[in-house]
Amino acid sequence: MITFIKSFKYLTPFVLQALGIVAFTNFGIYCWLPLLFTFFLVPILELLIKPDSKNLDQVEEELAKKNKAYDFILYIAVILQYYSLWLFLTNFNFSNLTSLDIIGRVISMGLLCGSFGINVAHELGHRVNVFDQFLAKLLLLTSLYMHFFIEHNKGHHKHVATPHDPSTAKLNQSVYFFWPQTLIGTYRSAWHIAIEEAKKKNKLFYQINNEMFVFQLIQITFIFCIYFFFGFPITILFILSALIGALLLETVNYIEHYGLSRQQTTNNQYERVQPTHSWNSNHVLGRLLLFELSRHSDHHYMASRKYQILRNIDNAPQMPTGYPGMMLLSLFPALWFKVMHHQMHIQQIKD
């Protein structure tokens, strides 16, 4: 019973979903509540709340592994994401909305696309069972980012912290130069992976008889359905929201691996991925809101570990604050470089 209750803390992300619902059904400042919560209130609180580096003990970890409540919370997130998208699409009465209301709602939907449409899909996409993977693809569809399912699992985790990974930010690379690198690079990488897999399976017409091509058809059909039922303006607003979600995800990728690299051992071979190749954050609110994504060092070290049992690893490089604050910081390159290069210097001293 106690273990079941402990899972309730991961209902915290649904505060953002609730604020999204408020934003899509109200006007004025209410349309901006998700943004104010995520990038104003949370960063301030994370500066005040002490990080928690404590890990579960062996018994607690075994109990958490078996507790299905952690999975059900993710399943609820899928339902709420589609409900929120429905509210977003059906509540655009342009005669009653100001331009600021519309912008606020688009950004709010973008936040949901990034935090639920992609982040929860990221967690479910690492599962081995078909049902969870199907839900991951459903979520990615709400962000028009289905190629993430292919590239992240079969590209990013293999090539992270090497020059072959478009999702790893180089030292002294700003987030603004990183965005085109990762948006274009991951899309191209997903095509390459899907086509190579189709070749290995000896599929005829492997250029179109592959998972990536199917994903494109699904997404185009989804966009067409939105256009058919809701019209051109709302379709454009949805696409803008999906783009915001993608940029949020790629900003997270930027802060997670900035300036870190694996040593090359032989031609095109690199050392095994270690916890030192991902930036970690133990700041409590960021951990809860993103289903422990910020314990990223352990995730890359052992990608099969479910979110509820991810660990803090002592020798992993640590961010000075949580993900929302670090994402804001990344938008100011000079300040970002100053803070992060100082953190890298601290890490070098520790090592």
Foldseek 3Di string as FASTA:
>chain_A
DVLLVVLCLLCVLCVLLVLLLQLLADADCSLQVSVCVLQPVVQVVQVVDDFDQDADPPVSQVSNVPDCSNVVSLVVLLVSLVVSVVSNLPRCPPVPYDPVSLVSSLQSNLVSLQQNLALSLLQLLLDDDPVSPVSSQSSVLLLLRNLCSQCVVPPCLVQAQHPRQLLAAAQLDALVNSVVSHVVSSLVVSQVRFLVVCVVVVHPPSSCPTDSNVSVVVSVVVLVVSCVPRNDVSSVSSNSSSVSSVSLNSLLSHQFQYNGHFDADDVVRTDQQALQRTEAERRPVLCSSSLNCRLVSQCSNPVNDRSVRRHRDVLHQYDPGHDSVLSVQSVPSVSNSVRVVVSVVVSVVVD
